[in-house]
N, C-alpha and C. Protein backbone atom coordinates (compact mmCIF):
# COMPACT_ATOMS: atom_id res chain seq x y z
N MET A 1 58.91 9.67 24.20
CA MET A 1 60.24 9.16 24.91
C MET A 1 59.34 8.08 25.69
N MET A 2 60.06 6.74 25.66
CA MET A 2 59.54 5.78 26.05
C MET A 2 59.97 6.17 28.24
N SER A 3 59.29 5.23 28.57
CA SER A 3 59.14 5.01 30.16
C SER A 3 60.11 4.28 30.25
N GLN A 4 60.82 4.50 31.47
CA GLN A 4 62.13 3.10 31.98
C GLN A 4 60.96 1.68 31.70
N PHE A 5 60.23 1.87 32.23
CA PHE A 5 59.13 0.54 32.37
C PHE A 5 59.16 -0.50 31.31
N ALA A 6 58.96 0.53 30.03
CA ALA A 6 58.60 0.25 28.65
C ALA A 6 60.15 -0.48 28.17
N GLN A 7 61.40 0.17 28.40
CA GLN A 7 62.81 0.40 27.90
C GLN A 7 62.94 -1.35 28.55
N GLU A 8 62.91 -1.53 29.95
CA GLU A 8 63.30 -2.87 30.40
C GLU A 8 62.31 -3.84 30.17
N ASN A 9 61.13 -3.74 29.59
CA ASN A 9 60.48 -4.45 28.95
C ASN A 9 61.22 -5.43 27.63
N ILE A 10 61.63 -4.05 26.84
CA ILE A 10 61.86 -4.13 25.08
C ILE A 10 63.40 -5.12 25.33
N TYR A 11 64.26 -4.68 26.72
CA TYR A 11 65.27 -5.12 26.97
C TYR A 11 65.19 -7.02 27.46
N ARG A 12 64.06 -6.75 28.34
CA ARG A 12 63.65 -8.28 28.74
C ARG A 12 63.14 -9.22 27.51
N GLY A 13 62.61 -8.74 26.74
CA GLY A 13 61.94 -9.54 25.44
C GLY A 13 63.08 -9.76 24.56
N ARG A 14 63.77 -8.87 24.16
CA ARG A 14 65.37 -9.26 23.49
C ARG A 14 66.18 -10.63 23.75
N GLN A 15 66.26 -10.17 25.18
CA GLN A 15 67.30 -10.92 25.91
C GLN A 15 66.85 -12.22 26.01
N GLU A 16 64.99 -12.61 26.25
CA GLU A 16 64.41 -13.81 26.18
C GLU A 16 64.59 -13.99 24.50
N GLY A 17 64.31 -13.52 23.85
CA GLY A 17 64.42 -14.23 22.66
C GLY A 17 65.96 -14.77 21.82
N GLU A 18 66.85 -13.92 22.08
CA GLU A 18 68.45 -14.24 21.85
C GLU A 18 68.59 -15.32 22.57
N SER A 19 68.54 -15.53 23.89
CA SER A 19 68.69 -17.09 24.58
C SER A 19 68.16 -18.04 23.81
N SER A 20 66.98 -17.76 23.63
CA SER A 20 66.16 -18.79 22.87
C SER A 20 66.85 -19.71 21.49
N ILE A 21 67.01 -18.33 21.01
CA ILE A 21 67.72 -18.95 19.31
C ILE A 21 68.83 -19.45 19.63
N LEU A 22 70.17 -18.91 20.56
CA LEU A 22 71.16 -19.62 20.93
C LEU A 22 71.66 -21.00 21.28
N ILE A 23 70.13 -21.00 22.44
CA ILE A 23 69.83 -22.79 22.78
C ILE A 23 69.72 -23.43 21.54
N ARG A 24 68.49 -23.40 20.60
CA ARG A 24 68.39 -23.97 19.66
C ARG A 24 69.67 -24.16 19.26
N GLN A 25 70.56 -23.44 18.49
CA GLN A 25 71.60 -23.28 17.48
C GLN A 25 72.71 -24.41 18.62
N LEU A 26 72.64 -24.47 19.67
CA LEU A 26 73.74 -24.89 20.54
C LEU A 26 73.64 -26.51 20.70
N ARG A 27 71.94 -26.50 20.53
CA ARG A 27 71.38 -27.83 20.65
C ARG A 27 71.84 -29.01 19.20
N ARG A 28 71.48 -28.04 18.14
CA ARG A 28 71.36 -28.32 16.78
C ARG A 28 73.10 -28.92 15.90
N ARG A 29 73.80 -27.81 16.70
CA ARG A 29 75.45 -27.74 16.63
C ARG A 29 75.93 -28.87 17.47
N PHE A 30 75.89 -28.95 18.56
CA PHE A 30 76.47 -29.77 19.52
C PHE A 30 75.65 -30.85 20.39
N SER A 31 74.30 -31.11 19.82
CA SER A 31 73.20 -32.42 20.08
C SER A 31 73.36 -32.17 21.88
N ASP A 32 73.76 -33.10 22.61
CA ASP A 32 73.30 -32.98 24.32
C ASP A 32 74.34 -32.07 25.07
N LEU A 33 73.60 -30.63 25.31
CA LEU A 33 74.88 -29.90 26.22
C LEU A 33 74.32 -30.16 27.60
N PRO A 34 75.77 -30.32 28.01
CA PRO A 34 75.91 -30.28 29.39
C PRO A 34 74.64 -29.02 30.37
N GLY A 35 74.51 -29.77 31.40
CA GLY A 35 72.90 -29.00 32.33
C GLY A 35 73.83 -27.41 32.59
N TRP A 36 75.12 -26.94 32.38
CA TRP A 36 75.40 -25.81 33.05
C TRP A 36 74.68 -24.59 32.23
N VAL A 37 74.73 -25.37 30.68
CA VAL A 37 74.92 -23.82 29.46
C VAL A 37 73.35 -23.62 29.48
N LYS A 38 72.23 -24.30 29.80
CA LYS A 38 71.20 -23.36 29.21
C LYS A 38 70.83 -22.40 30.69
N PRO A 39 71.20 -22.52 32.02
CA PRO A 39 71.14 -21.36 33.04
C PRO A 39 72.01 -20.23 32.74
N LYS A 40 72.95 -20.70 32.24
CA LYS A 40 74.27 -19.32 31.45
C LYS A 40 73.33 -18.63 30.75
N VAL A 41 72.99 -19.49 29.73
CA VAL A 41 72.20 -18.48 28.36
C VAL A 41 71.24 -17.62 28.79
N LEU A 42 71.01 -18.31 29.73
CA LEU A 42 69.21 -17.70 30.09
C LEU A 42 69.33 -16.29 31.01
N SER A 43 70.52 -16.45 31.76
CA SER A 43 70.99 -15.22 32.63
C SER A 43 71.83 -14.46 32.07
N ALA A 44 72.47 -14.82 30.74
CA ALA A 44 73.45 -13.29 29.94
C ALA A 44 72.83 -12.51 29.77
N ASP A 45 73.87 -11.21 29.57
CA ASP A 45 72.98 -10.40 29.12
C ASP A 45 72.73 -10.28 27.90
N THR A 46 72.50 -9.14 26.97
CA THR A 46 72.66 -8.88 25.37
C THR A 46 73.85 -9.24 24.77
N ASP A 47 75.09 -8.20 25.32
CA ASP A 47 75.97 -8.53 24.95
C ASP A 47 76.91 -9.62 24.79
N ALA A 48 76.54 -10.39 25.92
CA ALA A 48 77.23 -11.87 25.98
C ALA A 48 76.77 -12.80 25.03
N LEU A 49 75.07 -12.85 24.91
CA LEU A 49 74.67 -13.56 23.56
C LEU A 49 75.03 -13.45 22.23
N GLU A 50 74.83 -11.99 22.28
CA GLU A 50 75.62 -11.50 20.98
C GLU A 50 76.85 -12.43 20.46
N GLN A 51 77.72 -12.73 21.69
CA GLN A 51 78.95 -12.66 21.55
C GLN A 51 78.89 -13.64 20.84
N TRP A 52 78.63 -14.61 21.85
CA TRP A 52 78.36 -15.98 21.47
C TRP A 52 77.41 -16.70 20.56
N SER A 53 76.71 -15.99 20.26
CA SER A 53 75.96 -16.07 19.05
C SER A 53 77.06 -15.94 17.70
N ASP A 54 77.62 -15.28 17.73
CA ASP A 54 78.88 -15.08 16.76
C ASP A 54 79.93 -16.08 16.67
N ARG A 55 80.01 -16.34 17.83
CA ARG A 55 81.36 -17.58 17.71
C ARG A 55 80.46 -19.07 17.57
N ILE A 56 79.50 -18.99 17.51
CA ILE A 56 78.98 -20.75 17.35
C ILE A 56 79.21 -20.92 15.95
N LEU A 57 79.49 -19.63 14.76
CA LEU A 57 79.31 -20.39 13.73
C LEU A 57 80.70 -21.09 13.57
N ASP A 58 81.64 -20.47 14.06
CA ASP A 58 83.15 -21.30 13.70
C ASP A 58 83.22 -21.99 14.92
N ALA A 59 82.95 -22.31 15.95
CA ALA A 59 83.01 -23.44 16.72
C ALA A 59 82.75 -24.62 16.76
N GLN A 60 84.28 -25.43 17.29
CA GLN A 60 84.08 -26.99 17.66
C GLN A 60 83.75 -27.32 18.85
N SER A 61 83.66 -26.58 20.37
CA SER A 61 83.46 -26.92 20.91
C SER A 61 83.05 -26.08 21.91
N LEU A 62 82.49 -26.30 22.71
CA LEU A 62 81.59 -25.04 23.66
C LEU A 62 82.53 -24.25 24.20
N GLN A 63 83.40 -24.64 24.51
CA GLN A 63 84.72 -23.97 24.98
C GLN A 63 85.55 -22.99 23.74
N ASP A 64 84.87 -23.09 22.33
CA ASP A 64 85.12 -21.83 21.70
C ASP A 64 84.12 -21.05 21.57
N ILE A 65 82.63 -21.31 22.56
CA ILE A 65 81.72 -20.33 22.60
C ILE A 65 82.04 -19.44 23.73
N PHE A 66 81.88 -20.29 24.52
CA PHE A 66 82.25 -19.85 26.23
C PHE A 66 83.70 -19.43 26.61
N GLY A 67 84.66 -19.94 26.04
CA GLY A 67 85.86 -19.57 26.78
C GLY A 67 86.39 -20.52 27.75
N ASP A 68 87.40 -20.13 28.67
CA ASP A 68 87.45 -20.63 29.55
C ASP A 68 86.37 -20.85 30.72
N GLU A 69 85.22 -20.36 30.30
CA GLU A 69 84.12 -20.22 31.35
C GLU A 69 83.95 -21.55 31.35
N THR A 70 84.19 -22.40 30.58
CA THR A 70 82.93 -23.92 30.12
C THR A 70 84.02 -24.30 31.45
N GLN A 71 85.67 -24.32 31.67
CA GLN A 71 86.16 -25.33 32.55
C GLN A 71 85.40 -24.33 34.03
N LEU A 72 85.30 -23.59 34.24
CA LEU A 72 84.61 -23.23 35.74
C LEU A 72 83.34 -23.70 35.97
N ALA A 73 82.44 -24.02 34.98
CA ALA A 73 81.05 -24.46 35.30
C ALA A 73 81.08 -26.05 35.74
N ASN A 74 82.54 -26.66 34.83
CA ASN A 74 82.47 -28.51 35.22
C ASN A 74 82.47 -28.64 36.74
């Protein structure tokens, strides 16, 4: 059985990897990103990152990915 420390490190590594990939995808899709995007993505949990990563495939705007949360960030 894995220690809690090991599990937390695995989770943290997964979160960092997913957020890094999502930021790259967002830059590729939308070029220049508003300043609020990177901190939002970096602080998100893996569930949110997975949802946003799925949404990017059909998104035409950041609002399509983040929903009404874009209104709060502006």
